[in-house]
């Protein structure tokens, strides 16, 4: 086996793992009840740009359609995370009332009963 074959095999294996690794992240963002507050737009936009530019470079400069397609899939996964995050944040901010103190809201965004503590 040549060094070129080893590097192609390694690249292919990690590319497959990378593609699969996006799905748990997408799932977690979709299920997040706090407006996807842990997601950084700048990071995901940078990754999207990196994948798009790699895909363009592969298609235009290298003529490598497979690398271009893989990079396109990665970019689509990043865009999905960004879009879901935007939707979650918009819904989250829409559910929070401006006049209600944040302490009255649980992590599930349901109002918490405002009952006095025992002995007061």
PDB file of N, CA and C in Angstrom:
ATOM      1  N   UNK A   1       0.845  -1.167   0.000  1.00  0.00           N
ATOM      2  CA  UNK A   1       0.000   0.000   0.000  1.00  0.00           C
ATOM      3  C   UNK A   1       0.901   1.245   0.000  1.00  0.00           C
ATOM      4  N   UNK A   2       0.584   2.180  -0.876  1.00  0.00           N
ATOM      5  CA  UNK A   2       1.395   3.390  -1.003  1.00  0.00           C
ATOM      6  C   UNK A   2       0.944   4.439   0.010  1.00  0.00           C
ATOM      7  N   UNK A   3       1.778   5.427   0.191  1.00  0.00           N
ATOM      8  CA  UNK A   3       1.450   6.530   1.086  1.00  0.00           C
ATOM      9  C   UNK A   3       0.207   7.275   0.594  1.00  0.00           C
ATOM     10  N   UNK A   4       0.063   7.399  -0.716  1.00  0.00           N
ATOM     11  CA  UNK A   4      -1.120   8.062  -1.289  1.00  0.00           C
ATOM     12  C   UNK A   4      -2.397   7.286  -0.959  1.00  0.00           C
ATOM     13  N   UNK A   5      -2.343   5.959  -1.026  1.00  0.00           N
ATOM     14  CA  UNK A   5      -3.508   5.127  -0.699  1.00  0.00           C
ATOM     15  C   UNK A   5      -3.846   5.207   0.787  1.00  0.00           C
ATOM     16  N   UNK A   6      -2.816   5.234   1.613  1.00  0.00           N
ATOM     17  CA  UNK A   6      -3.036   5.351   3.058  1.00  0.00           C
ATOM     18  C   UNK A   6      -3.675   6.698   3.392  1.00  0.00           C
ATOM     19  N   UNK A   7      -3.163   7.758   2.788  1.00  0.00           N
ATOM     20  CA  UNK A   7      -3.719   9.084   3.075  1.00  0.00           C
ATOM     21  C   UNK A   7      -5.159   9.202   2.557  1.00  0.00           C
ATOM     22  N   UNK A   8      -5.453   8.602   1.403  1.00  0.00           N
ATOM     23  CA  UNK A   8      -6.824   8.614   0.888  1.00  0.00           C
ATOM     24  C   UNK A   8      -7.750   7.828   1.806  1.00  0.00           C
ATOM     25  N   UNK A   9      -7.310   6.678   2.267  1.00  0.00           N
ATOM     26  CA  UNK A   9      -8.125   5.865   3.173  1.00  0.00           C
ATOM     27  C   UNK A   9      -8.389   6.577   4.487  1.00  0.00           C
ATOM     28  N   UNK A  10      -7.352   7.208   5.025  1.00  0.00           N
ATOM     29  CA  UNK A  10      -7.511   7.946   6.274  1.00  0.00           C
ATOM     30  C   UNK A  10      -8.448   9.135   6.097  1.00  0.00           C
ATOM     31  N   UNK A  11      -8.247   9.870   5.013  1.00  0.00           N
ATOM     32  CA  UNK A  11      -9.126  11.001   4.721  1.00  0.00           C
ATOM     33  C   UNK A  11     -10.571  10.541   4.575  1.00  0.00           C
ATOM     34  N   UNK A  12     -10.785   9.461   3.847  1.00  0.00           N
ATOM     35  CA  UNK A  12     -12.141   8.947   3.621  1.00  0.00           C
ATOM     36  C   UNK A  12     -12.797   8.524   4.931  1.00  0.00           C
ATOM     37  N   UNK A  13     -12.035   7.837   5.777  1.00  0.00           N
ATOM     38  CA  UNK A  13     -12.586   7.369   7.055  1.00  0.00           C
ATOM     39  C   UNK A  13     -12.995   8.558   7.928  1.00  0.00           C
ATOM     40  N   UNK A  14     -12.110   9.528   8.052  1.00  0.00           N
ATOM     41  CA  UNK A  14     -12.434  10.674   8.897  1.00  0.00           C
ATOM     42  C   UNK A  14     -13.499  11.571   8.277  1.00  0.00           C
ATOM     43  N   UNK A  15     -13.579  11.621   6.977  1.00  0.00           N
ATOM     44  CA  UNK A  15     -14.647  12.391   6.322  1.00  0.00           C
ATOM     45  C   UNK A  15     -16.001  11.765   6.626  1.00  0.00           C
ATOM     46  N   UNK A  16     -16.061  10.446   6.582  1.00  0.00           N
ATOM     47  CA  UNK A  16     -17.304   9.753   6.934  1.00  0.00           C
ATOM     48  C   UNK A  16     -17.686   9.990   8.378  1.00  0.00           C
ATOM     49  N   UNK A  17     -16.707   9.917   9.266  1.00  0.00           N
ATOM     50  CA  UNK A  17     -16.969  10.176  10.679  1.00  0.00           C
ATOM     51  C   UNK A  17     -17.415  11.615  10.904  1.00  0.00           C
ATOM     52  N   UNK A  18     -16.797  12.534  10.186  1.00  0.00           N
ATOM     53  CA  UNK A  18     -17.179  13.937  10.332  1.00  0.00           C
ATOM     54  C   UNK A  18     -18.627  14.148   9.918  1.00  0.00           C
ATOM     55  N   UNK A  19     -19.014  13.567   8.801  1.00  0.00           N
ATOM     56  CA  UNK A  19     -20.391  13.724   8.334  1.00  0.00           C
ATOM     57  C   UNK A  19     -21.372  13.170   9.360  1.00  0.00           C
ATOM     58  N   UNK A  20     -21.081  12.004   9.887  1.00  0.00           N
ATOM     59  CA  UNK A  20     -21.959  11.385  10.887  1.00  0.00           C
ATOM     60  C   UNK A  20     -21.977  12.205  12.177  1.00  0.00           C
ATOM     61  N   UNK A  21     -20.860  12.838  12.507  1.00  0.00           N
ATOM     62  CA  UNK A  21     -20.776  13.587  13.764  1.00  0.00           C
ATOM     63  C   UNK A  21     -21.662  14.827  13.787  1.00  0.00           C
ATOM     64  N   UNK A  22     -22.089  15.315  12.648  1.00  0.00           N
ATOM     65  CA  UNK A  22     -22.978  16.468  12.630  1.00  0.00           C
ATOM     66  C   UNK A  22     -24.369  16.111  13.161  1.00  0.00           C
ATOM     67  N   UNK A  23     -24.820  14.904  12.962  1.00  0.00           N
ATOM     68  CA  UNK A  23     -26.190  14.545  13.316  1.00  0.00           C
ATOM     69  C   UNK A  23     -26.482  14.627  14.813  1.00  0.00           C
ATOM     70  N   UNK A  24     -25.603  14.167  15.702  1.00  0.00           N
ATOM     71  CA  UNK A  24     -25.889  14.381  17.128  1.00  0.00           C
ATOM     72  C   UNK A  24     -25.960  15.859  17.503  1.00  0.00           C
ATOM     73  N   UNK A  25     -25.122  16.686  16.879  1.00  0.00           N
ATOM     74  CA  UNK A  25     -25.155  18.125  17.156  1.00  0.00           C
ATOM     75  C   UNK A  25     -26.476  18.720  16.678  1.00  0.00           C
ATOM     76  N   UNK A  26     -26.892  18.345  15.484  1.00  0.00           N
ATOM     77  CA  UNK A  26     -28.171  18.837  14.951  1.00  0.00           C
ATOM     78  C   UNK A  26     -29.308  18.404  15.862  1.00  0.00           C
ATOM     79  N   UNK A  27     -29.282  17.170  16.315  1.00  0.00           N
ATOM     80  CA  UNK A  27     -30.317  16.628  17.208  1.00  0.00           C
ATOM     81  C   UNK A  27     -30.360  17.412  18.518  1.00  0.00           C
ATOM     82  N   UNK A  28     -29.189  17.674  19.104  1.00  0.00           N
ATOM     83  CA  UNK A  28     -29.136  18.384  20.382  1.00  0.00           C
ATOM     84  C   UNK A  28     -29.638  19.824  20.240  1.00  0.00           C
ATOM     85  N   UNK A  29     -29.284  20.475  19.161  1.00  0.00           N
ATOM     86  CA  UNK A  29     -29.751  21.848  18.950  1.00  0.00           C
ATOM     87  C   UNK A  29     -31.264  21.845  18.765  1.00  0.00           C
ATOM     88  N   UNK A  30     -31.772  20.890  18.014  1.00  0.00           N
ATOM     89  CA  UNK A  30     -33.211  20.815  17.770  1.00  0.00           C
ATOM     90  C   UNK A  30     -33.990  20.568  19.054  1.00  0.00           C
ATOM     91  N   UNK A  31     -33.413  19.836  19.996  1.00  0.00           N
ATOM     92  CA  UNK A  31     -34.095  19.497  21.242  1.00  0.00           C
ATOM     93  C   UNK A  31     -33.831  20.495  22.368  1.00  0.00           C
ATOM     94  N   UNK A  32     -32.946  21.445  22.152  1.00  0.00           N
ATOM     95  CA  UNK A  32     -32.567  22.396  23.190  1.00  0.00           C
ATOM     96  C   UNK A  32     -33.750  23.271  23.585  1.00  0.00           C
ATOM     97  N   UNK A  33     -33.933  23.461  24.880  1.00  0.00           N
ATOM     98  CA  UNK A  33     -35.033  24.279  25.369  1.00  0.00           C
ATOM     99  C   UNK A  33     -34.617  25.666  25.814  1.00  0.00           C
ATOM    100  N   UNK A  34     -33.361  26.013  25.635  1.00  0.00           N
ATOM    101  CA  UNK A  34     -32.860  27.308  26.099  1.00  0.00           C
ATOM    102  C   UNK A  34     -32.433  28.215  24.954  1.00  0.00           C
ATOM    103  N   UNK A  35     -33.020  28.059  23.810  1.00  0.00           N
ATOM    104  CA  UNK A  35     -32.692  28.927  22.685  1.00  0.00           C
ATOM    105  C   UNK A  35     -31.338  28.645  22.069  1.00  0.00           C
ATOM    106  N   UNK A  36     -30.854  27.409  22.223  1.00  0.00           N
ATOM    107  CA  UNK A  36     -29.557  26.998  21.659  1.00  0.00           C
ATOM    108  C   UNK A  36     -28.458  27.985  22.045  1.00  0.00           C
ATOM    109  N   UNK A  37     -28.446  28.356  23.316  1.00  0.00           N
ATOM    110  CA  UNK A  37     -27.531  29.395  23.784  1.00  0.00           C
ATOM    111  C   UNK A  37     -26.058  28.991  23.712  1.00  0.00           C
ATOM    112  N   UNK A  38     -25.769  27.700  23.644  1.00  0.00           N
ATOM    113  CA  UNK A  38     -24.371  27.256  23.598  1.00  0.00           C
ATOM    114  C   UNK A  38     -23.791  27.278  22.187  1.00  0.00           C
ATOM    115  N   UNK A  39     -24.604  27.565  21.200  1.00  0.00           N
ATOM    116  CA  UNK A  39     -24.140  27.561  19.812  1.00  0.00           C
ATOM    117  C   UNK A  39     -23.588  28.938  19.449  1.00  0.00           C
ATOM    118  N   UNK A  40     -22.410  28.948  18.871  1.00  0.00           N
ATOM    119  CA  UNK A  40     -21.773  30.180  18.443  1.00  0.00           C
ATOM    120  C   UNK A  40     -21.986  30.362  16.940  1.00  0.00           C
ATOM    121  N   UNK A  41     -22.733  31.405  16.591  1.00  0.00           N
ATOM    122  CA  UNK A  41     -22.947  31.684  15.171  1.00  0.00           C
ATOM    123  C   UNK A  41     -21.625  31.877  14.437  1.00  0.00           C
ATOM    124  N   UNK A  42     -20.712  32.629  15.037  1.00  0.00           N
ATOM    125  CA  UNK A  42     -19.459  32.928  14.349  1.00  0.00           C
ATOM    126  C   UNK A  42     -18.663  31.659  14.051  1.00  0.00           C
ATOM    127  N   UNK A  43     -18.654  30.721  14.989  1.00  0.00           N
ATOM    128  CA  UNK A  43     -17.932  29.468  14.756  1.00  0.00           C
ATOM    129  C   UNK A  43     -18.569  28.668  13.633  1.00  0.00           C
ATOM    130  N   UNK A  44     -19.879  28.512  13.680  1.00  0.00           N
ATOM    131  CA  UNK A  44     -20.561  27.712  12.658  1.00  0.00           C
ATOM    132  C   UNK A  44     -20.513  28.392  11.298  1.00  0.00           C
ATOM    133  N   UNK A  45     -20.556  29.713  11.263  1.00  0.00           N
ATOM    134  CA  UNK A  45     -20.414  30.430   9.990  1.00  0.00           C
ATOM    135  C   UNK A  45     -19.006  30.271   9.431  1.00  0.00           C
ATOM    136  N   UNK A  46     -18.001  30.286  10.316  1.00  0.00           N
ATOM    137  CA  UNK A  46     -16.624  30.088   9.866  1.00  0.00           C
ATOM    138  C   UNK A  46     -16.457  28.682   9.279  1.00  0.00           C
ATOM    139  N   UNK A  47     -17.019  27.673   9.953  1.00  0.00           N
ATOM    140  CA  UNK A  47     -16.934  26.306   9.432  1.00  0.00           C
ATOM    141  C   UNK A  47     -17.659  26.189   8.093  1.00  0.00           C
ATOM    142  N   UNK A  48     -18.807  26.849   7.984  1.00  0.00           N
ATOM    143  CA  UNK A  48     -19.540  26.830   6.716  1.00  0.00           C
ATOM    144  C   UNK A  48     -18.682  27.434   5.609  1.00  0.00           C
ATOM    145  N   UNK A  49     -18.096  28.599   5.877  1.00  0.00           N
ATOM    146  CA  UNK A  49     -17.234  29.234   4.892  1.00  0.00           C
ATOM    147  C   UNK A  49     -16.040  28.375   4.517  1.00  0.00           C
ATOM    148  N   UNK A  50     -15.471  27.712   5.500  1.00  0.00           N
ATOM    149  CA  UNK A  50     -14.336  26.822   5.248  1.00  0.00           C
ATOM    150  C   UNK A  50     -14.732  25.674   4.325  1.00  0.00           C
ATOM    151  N   UNK A  51     -15.896  25.086   4.582  1.00  0.00           N
ATOM    152  CA  UNK A  51     -16.350  23.968   3.747  1.00  0.00           C
ATOM    153  C   UNK A  51     -16.711  24.421   2.336  1.00  0.00           C
ATOM    154  N   UNK A  52     -17.356  25.567   2.237  1.00  0.00           N
ATOM    155  CA  UNK A  52     -17.715  26.088   0.909  1.00  0.00           C
ATOM    156  C   UNK A  52     -16.455  26.407   0.109  1.00  0.00           C
ATOM    157  N   UNK A  53     -15.489  27.059   0.748  1.00  0.00           N
ATOM    158  CA  UNK A  53     -14.263  27.406   0.023  1.00  0.00           C
ATOM    159  C   UNK A  53     -13.460  26.164  -0.355  1.00  0.00           C
ATOM    160  N   UNK A  54     -13.445  25.160   0.511  1.00  0.00           N
ATOM    161  CA  UNK A  54     -12.766  23.902   0.177  1.00  0.00           C
ATOM    162  C   UNK A  54     -13.452  23.227  -1.004  1.00  0.00           C
ATOM    163  N   UNK A  55     -14.788  23.221  -0.982  1.00  0.00           N
ATOM    164  CA  UNK A  55     -15.532  22.627  -2.090  1.00  0.00           C
ATOM    165  C   UNK A  55     -15.280  23.340  -3.400  1.00  0.00           C
ATOM    166  N   UNK A  56     -15.260  24.670  -3.351  1.00  0.00           N
ATOM    167  CA  UNK A  56     -14.969  25.444  -4.568  1.00  0.00           C
ATOM    168  C   UNK A  56     -13.554  25.179  -5.060  1.00  0.00           C
ATOM    169  N   UNK A  57     -12.603  25.164  -4.153  1.00  0.00           N
ATOM    170  CA  UNK A  57     -11.213  24.898  -4.523  1.00  0.00           C
ATOM    171  C   UNK A  57     -11.075  23.511  -5.149  1.00  0.00           C
ATOM    172  N   UNK A  58     -11.732  22.524  -4.520  1.00  0.00           N
ATOM    173  CA  UNK A  58     -11.654  21.156  -5.030  1.00  0.00           C
ATOM    174  C   UNK A  58     -12.263  21.056  -6.426  1.00  0.00           C
ATOM    175  N   UNK A  59     -13.406  21.718  -6.622  1.00  0.00           N
ATOM    176  CA  UNK A  59     -14.082  21.641  -7.918  1.00  0.00           C
ATOM    177  C   UNK A  59     -13.337  22.423  -9.000  1.00  0.00           C
ATOM    178  N   UNK A  60     -12.906  23.623  -8.679  1.00  0.00           N
ATOM    179  CA  UNK A  60     -12.324  24.512  -9.687  1.00  0.00           C
ATOM    180  C   UNK A  60     -10.840  24.219  -9.927  1.00  0.00           C
ATOM    181  N   UNK A  61     -10.069  24.130  -8.855  1.00  0.00           N
ATOM    182  CA  UNK A  61      -8.615  24.002  -8.999  1.00  0.00           C
ATOM    183  C   UNK A  61      -8.145  22.562  -9.143  1.00  0.00           C
ATOM    184  N   UNK A  62      -8.835  21.641  -8.476  1.00  0.00           N
ATOM    185  CA  UNK A  62      -8.382  20.248  -8.492  1.00  0.00           C
ATOM    186  C   UNK A  62      -9.207  19.354  -9.409  1.00  0.00           C
ATOM    187  N   UNK A  63     -10.414  19.799  -9.752  1.00  0.00           N
ATOM    188  CA  UNK A  63     -11.303  18.954 -10.537  1.00  0.00           C
ATOM    189  C   UNK A  63     -11.760  17.724  -9.768  1.00  0.00           C
ATOM    190  N   UNK A  64     -11.753  17.827  -8.447  1.00  0.00           N
ATOM    191  CA  UNK A  64     -12.109  16.701  -7.578  1.00  0.00           C
ATOM    192  C   UNK A  64     -13.565  16.833  -7.141  1.00  0.00           C
ATOM    193  N   UNK A  65     -14.429  16.166  -7.861  1.00  0.00           N
ATOM    194  CA  UNK A  65     -15.865  16.261  -7.581  1.00  0.00           C
ATOM    195  C   UNK A  65     -16.240  15.612  -6.259  1.00  0.00           C
ATOM    196  N   UNK A  66     -15.550  14.542  -5.883  1.00  0.00           N
ATOM    197  CA  UNK A  66     -15.860  13.865  -4.626  1.00  0.00           C
ATOM    198  C   UNK A  66     -15.550  14.771  -3.432  1.00  0.00           C
ATOM    199  N   UNK A  67     -14.388  15.384  -3.413  1.00  0.00           N
ATOM    200  CA  UNK A  67     -14.031  16.304  -2.334  1.00  0.00           C
ATOM    201  C   UNK A  67     -14.979  17.501  -2.316  1.00  0.00           C
ATOM    202  N   UNK A  68     -15.327  17.996  -3.485  1.00  0.00           N
ATOM    203  CA  UNK A  68     -16.267  19.116  -3.576  1.00  0.00           C
ATOM    204  C   UNK A  68     -17.633  18.723  -3.008  1.00  0.00           C
ATOM    205  N   UNK A  69     -18.095  17.524  -3.329  1.00  0.00           N
ATOM    206  CA  UNK A  69     -19.396  17.050  -2.825  1.00  0.00           C
ATOM    207  C   UNK A  69     -19.366  16.859  -1.313  1.00  0.00           C
ATOM    208  N   UNK A  70     -18.283  16.261  -0.817  1.00  0.00           N
ATOM    209  CA  UNK A  70     -18.149  16.082   0.634  1.00  0.00           C
ATOM    210  C   UNK A  70     -18.173  17.427   1.345  1.00  0.00           C
ATOM    211  N   UNK A  71     -17.418  18.373   0.844  1.00  0.00           N
ATOM    212  CA  UNK A  71     -17.372  19.700   1.452  1.00  0.00           C
ATOM    213  C   UNK A  71     -18.744  20.367   1.387  1.00  0.00           C
ATOM    214  N   UNK A  72     -19.458  20.153   0.295  1.00  0.00           N
ATOM    215  CA  UNK A  72     -20.814  20.679   0.186  1.00  0.00           C
ATOM    216  C   UNK A  72     -21.750  20.089   1.225  1.00  0.00           C
ATOM    217  N   UNK A  73     -21.632  18.792   1.471  1.00  0.00           N
ATOM    218  CA  UNK A  73     -22.451  18.148   2.506  1.00  0.00           C
ATOM    219  C   UNK A  73     -22.128  18.701   3.885  1.00  0.00           C
ATOM    220  N   UNK A  74     -20.845  18.910   4.168  1.00  0.00           N
ATOM    221  CA  UNK A  74     -20.459  19.485   5.461  1.00  0.00           C
ATOM    222  C   UNK A  74     -21.045  20.886   5.612  1.00  0.00           C
ATOM    223  N   UNK A  75     -20.989  21.668   4.547  1.00  0.00           N
ATOM    224  CA  UNK A  75     -21.531  23.027   4.593  1.00  0.00           C
ATOM    225  C   UNK A  75     -23.036  22.999   4.831  1.00  0.00           C
ATOM    226  N   UNK A  76     -23.725  22.068   4.197  1.00  0.00           N
ATOM    227  CA  UNK A  76     -25.174  21.947   4.399  1.00  0.00           C
ATOM    228  C   UNK A  76     -25.474  21.609   5.858  1.00  0.00           C
ATOM    229  N   UNK A  77     -24.701  20.697   6.448  1.00  0.00           N
ATOM    230  CA  UNK A  77     -24.901  20.349   7.860  1.00  0.00           C
ATOM    231  C   UNK A  77     -24.682  21.568   8.751  1.00  0.00           C
ATOM    232  N   UNK A  78     -23.671  22.360   8.459  1.00  0.00           N
ATOM    233  CA  UNK A  78     -23.420  23.577   9.238  1.00  0.00           C
ATOM    234  C   UNK A  78     -24.578  24.559   9.094  1.00  0.00           C
ATOM    235  N   UNK A  79     -25.085  24.701   7.888  1.00  0.00           N
ATOM    236  CA  UNK A  79     -26.213  25.608   7.647  1.00  0.00           C
ATOM    237  C   UNK A  79     -27.452  25.132   8.403  1.00  0.00           C
ATOM    238  N   UNK A  80     -27.662  23.824   8.463  1.00  0.00           N
ATOM    239  CA  UNK A  80     -28.791  23.277   9.219  1.00  0.00           C
ATOM    240  C   UNK A  80     -28.672  23.665  10.691  1.00  0.00           C
ATOM    241  N   UNK A  81     -27.473  23.534  11.264  1.00  0.00           N
ATOM    242  CA  UNK A  81     -27.265  23.930  12.662  1.00  0.00           C
ATOM    243  C   UNK A  81     -27.559  25.420  12.845  1.00  0.00           C
ATOM    244  N   UNK A  82     -27.079  26.248  11.933  1.00  0.00           N
ATOM    245  CA  UNK A  82     -27.301  27.694  12.029  1.00  0.00           C
ATOM    246  C   UNK A  82     -28.788  28.029  11.938  1.00  0.00           C
ATOM    247  N   UNK A  83     -29.492  27.420  10.998  1.00  0.00           N
ATOM    248  CA  UNK A  83     -30.924  27.697  10.819  1.00  0.00           C
ATOM    249  C   UNK A  83     -31.724  27.233  12.030  1.00  0.00           C
ATOM    250  N   UNK A  84     -31.452  26.032  12.525  1.00  0.00           N
ATOM    251  CA  UNK A  84     -32.174  25.531  13.703  1.00  0.00           C
ATOM    252  C   UNK A  84     -31.888  26.430  14.905  1.00  0.00           C
ATOM    253  N   UNK A  85     -30.646  26.863  15.051  1.00  0.00           N
ATOM    254  CA  UNK A  85     -30.295  27.760  16.146  1.00  0.00           C
ATOM    255  C   UNK A  85     -31.077  29.067  16.048  1.00  0.00           C
ATOM    256  N   UNK A  86     -31.151  29.626  14.863  1.00  0.00           N
ATOM    257  CA  UNK A  86     -31.888  30.878  14.670  1.00  0.00           C
ATOM    258  C   UNK A  86     -33.363  30.703  15.021  1.00  0.00           C
ATOM    259  N   UNK A  87     -33.944  29.597  14.607  1.00  0.00           N
ATOM    260  CA  UNK A  87     -35.351  29.322  14.916  1.00  0.00           C
ATOM    261  C   UNK A  87     -35.540  29.161  16.418  1.00  0.00           C
ATOM    262  N   UNK A  88     -34.652  28.395  17.053  1.00  0.00           N
ATOM    263  CA  UNK A  88     -34.769  28.170  18.497  1.00  0.00           C
ATOM    264  C   UNK A  88     -34.627  29.484  19.266  1.00  0.00           C
ATOM    265  N   UNK A  89     -33.695  30.320  18.863  1.00  0.00           N
ATOM    266  CA  UNK A  89     -33.501  31.587  19.576  1.00  0.00           C
ATOM    267  C   UNK A  89     -34.677  32.525  19.368  1.00  0.00           C
ATOM    268  N   UNK A  90     -35.202  32.531  18.176  1.00  0.00           N
ATOM    269  CA  UNK A  90     -36.367  33.392  17.909  1.00  0.00           C
ATOM    270  C   UNK A  90     -37.558  32.939  18.744  1.00  0.00           C
ATOM    271  N   UNK A  91     -37.796  31.646  18.803  1.00  0.00           N
ATOM    272  CA  UNK A  91     -38.898  31.115  19.614  1.00  0.00           C
ATOM    273  C   UNK A  91     -38.647  31.369  21.096  1.00  0.00           C
ATOM    274  N   UNK A  92     -37.402  31.196  21.514  1.00  0.00           N
ATOM    275  CA  UNK A  92     -37.067  31.375  22.925  1.00  0.00           C
ATOM    276  C   UNK A  92     -37.302  32.816  23.363  1.00  0.00           C
ATOM    277  N   UNK A  93     -36.859  33.760  22.590  1.00  0.00           N
ATOM    278  CA  UNK A  93     -37.046  35.155  22.965  1.00  0.00           C
ATOM    279  C   UNK A  93     -38.507  35.564  22.847  1.00  0.00           C
ATOM    280  N   UNK A  94     -39.257  34.938  21.965  1.00  0.00           N
ATOM    281  CA  UNK A  94     -40.674  35.233  21.837  1.00  0.00           C
ATOM    282  C   UNK A  94     -41.495  34.699  22.991  1.00  0.00           C
ATOM    283  N   UNK A  95     -41.022  33.630  23.633  1.00  0.00           N
ATOM    284  CA  UNK A  95     -41.748  33.036  24.745  1.00  0.00           C
ATOM    285  C   UNK A  95     -41.497  33.764  26.058  1.00  0.00           C
ATOM    286  N   UNK A  96     -40.361  34.407  26.155  1.00  0.00           N
ATOM    287  CA  UNK A  96     -40.028  35.106  27.390  1.00  0.00           C
ATOM    288  C   UNK A  96     -40.726  36.457  27.406  1.00  0.00           C
ATOM    289  N   UNK A  97     -41.516  36.696  28.408  1.00  0.00           N
ATOM    290  CA  UNK A  97     -42.204  37.971  28.534  1.00  0.00           C
ATOM    291  C   UNK A  97     -41.232  39.021  29.045  1.00  0.00           C
ATOM    292  N   UNK A  98     -41.302  40.214  28.490  1.00  0.00           N
ATOM    293  CA  UNK A  98     -40.377  41.279  28.879  1.00  0.00           C
ATOM    294  C   UNK A  98     -40.611  41.724  30.316  1.00  0.00           C
ATOM    295  N   UNK A  99     -41.853  41.582  30.823  1.00  0.00           N
ATOM    296  CA  UNK A  99     -42.134  42.049  32.171  1.00  0.00           C
ATOM    297  C   UNK A  99     -41.996  40.956  33.229  1.00  0.00           C
ATOM    298  N   UNK A 100     -41.724  39.724  32.825  1.00  0.00           N
ATOM    299  CA  UNK A 100     -41.565  38.646  33.795  1.00  0.00           C
ATOM    300  C   UNK A 100     -40.089  38.478  34.142  1.00  0.00           C
ATOM    301  N   UNK A 101     -39.775  38.461  35.426  1.00  0.00           N
ATOM    302  CA  UNK A 101     -38.369  38.259  35.802  1.00  0.00           C
ATOM    303  C   UNK A 101     -37.890  36.881  35.360  1.00  0.00           C
ATOM    304  N   UNK A 102     -36.640  36.753  34.915  1.00  0.00           N
ATOM    305  CA  UNK A 102     -36.122  35.477  34.443  1.00  0.00           C
ATOM    306  C   UNK A 102     -36.225  34.363  35.481  1.00  0.00           C
ATOM    307  N   UNK A 103     -36.184  34.696  36.781  1.00  0.00           N
ATOM    308  CA  UNK A 103     -36.241  33.670  37.823  1.00  0.00           C
ATOM    309  C   UNK A 103     -37.581  32.955  37.844  1.00  0.00           C
ATOM    310  N   UNK A 104     -38.598  33.518  37.231  1.00  0.00           N
ATOM    311  CA  UNK A 104     -39.905  32.878  37.227  1.00  0.00           C
ATOM    312  C   UNK A 104     -40.052  31.834  36.131  1.00  0.00           C
ATOM    313  N   UNK A 105     -39.013  31.635  35.353  1.00  0.00           N
ATOM    314  CA  UNK A 105     -39.077  30.699  34.249  1.00  0.00           C
ATOM    315  C   UNK A 105     -38.158  29.521  34.527  1.00  0.00           C
ATOM    316  N   UNK A 106     -38.675  28.315  34.306  1.00  0.00           N
ATOM    317  CA  UNK A 106     -37.841  27.119  34.448  1.00  0.00           C
ATOM    318  C   UNK A 106     -37.113  26.881  33.133  1.00  0.00           C
ATOM    319  N   UNK A 107     -36.269  25.859  33.094  1.00  0.00           N
ATOM    320  CA  UNK A 107     -35.516  25.574  31.875  1.00  0.00           C
ATOM    321  C   UNK A 107     -36.414  25.122  30.740  1.00  0.00           C
ATOM    322  N   UNK A 108     -37.626  24.661  31.053  1.00  0.00           N
ATOM    323  CA  UNK A 108     -38.538  24.235  29.997  1.00  0.00           C
ATOM    324  C   UNK A 108     -39.404  25.389  29.505  1.00  0.00           C
ATOM    325  N   UNK A 109     -39.174  26.588  30.033  1.00  0.00           N
ATOM    326  CA  UNK A 109     -39.887  27.793  29.635  1.00  0.00           C
ATOM    327  C   UNK A 109     -41.349  27.796  30.053  1.00  0.00           C
ATOM    328  N   UNK A 110     -41.702  27.011  31.036  1.00  0.00           N
ATOM    329  CA  UNK A 110     -43.056  27.058  31.589  1.00  0.00           C
ATOM    330  C   UNK A 110     -43.003  27.922  32.845  1.00  0.00           C
ATOM    331  N   UNK A 111     -44.035  28.721  33.085  1.00  0.00           N
ATOM    332  CA  UNK A 111     -44.013  29.549  34.290  1.00  0.00           C
ATOM    333  C   UNK A 111     -43.923  28.671  35.537  1.00  0.00           C
ATOM    334  N   UNK A 112     -43.111  29.095  36.465  1.00  0.00           N
ATOM    335  CA  UNK A 112     -42.963  28.399  37.728  1.00  0.00           C
ATOM    336  C   UNK A 112     -43.932  29.036  38.699  1.00  0.00           C
ATOM    337  N   UNK A 113     -44.622  28.201  39.464  1.00  0.00           N
ATOM    338  CA  UNK A 113     -45.588  28.718  40.416  1.00  0.00           C
ATOM    339  C   UNK A 113     -44.895  29.666  41.397  1.00  0.00           C
ATOM    340  N   UNK A 114     -45.481  30.806  41.599  1.00  0.00           N
ATOM    341  CA  UNK A 114     -44.895  31.800  42.492  1.00  0.00           C
ATOM    342  C   UNK A 114     -45.561  31.655  43.859  1.00  0.00           C
ATOM    343  N   UNK A 115     -45.176  30.633  44.599  1.00  0.00           N
ATOM    344  CA  UNK A 115     -45.752  30.376  45.913  1.00  0.00           C
ATOM    345  C   UNK A 115     -44.733  30.751  46.965  1.00  0.00           C
ATOM    346  N   UNK A 116     -45.218  31.303  48.086  1.00  0.00           N
ATOM    347  CA  UNK A 116     -44.289  31.681  49.140  1.00  0.00           C
ATOM    348  C   UNK A 116     -43.654  30.451  49.778  1.00  0.00           C
ATOM    349  N   UNK A 117     -42.437  30.625  50.268  1.00  0.00           N
ATOM    350  CA  UNK A 117     -41.751  29.521  50.941  1.00  0.00           C
ATOM    351  C   UNK A 117     -42.414  29.242  52.266  1.00  0.00           C
ATOM    352  N   UNK A 118     -42.270  28.022  52.754  1.00  0.00           N
ATOM    353  CA  UNK A 118     -42.876  27.646  54.043  1.00  0.00           C
ATOM    354  C   UNK A 118     -42.288  28.499  55.152  1.00  0.00           C
ATOM    355  N   UNK A 119     -43.153  28.892  56.074  1.00  0.00           N
ATOM    356  CA  UNK A 119     -42.710  29.666  57.219  1.00  0.00           C
ATOM    357  C   UNK A 119     -42.634  31.150  56.974  1.00  0.00           C
ATOM    358  N   UNK A 120     -43.094  31.602  55.800  1.00  0.00           N
ATOM    359  CA  UNK A 120     -43.063  33.051  55.548  1.00  0.00           C
ATOM    360  C   UNK A 120     -44.454  33.629  55.589  1.00  0.00           C
TER     361      UNK A 120
END
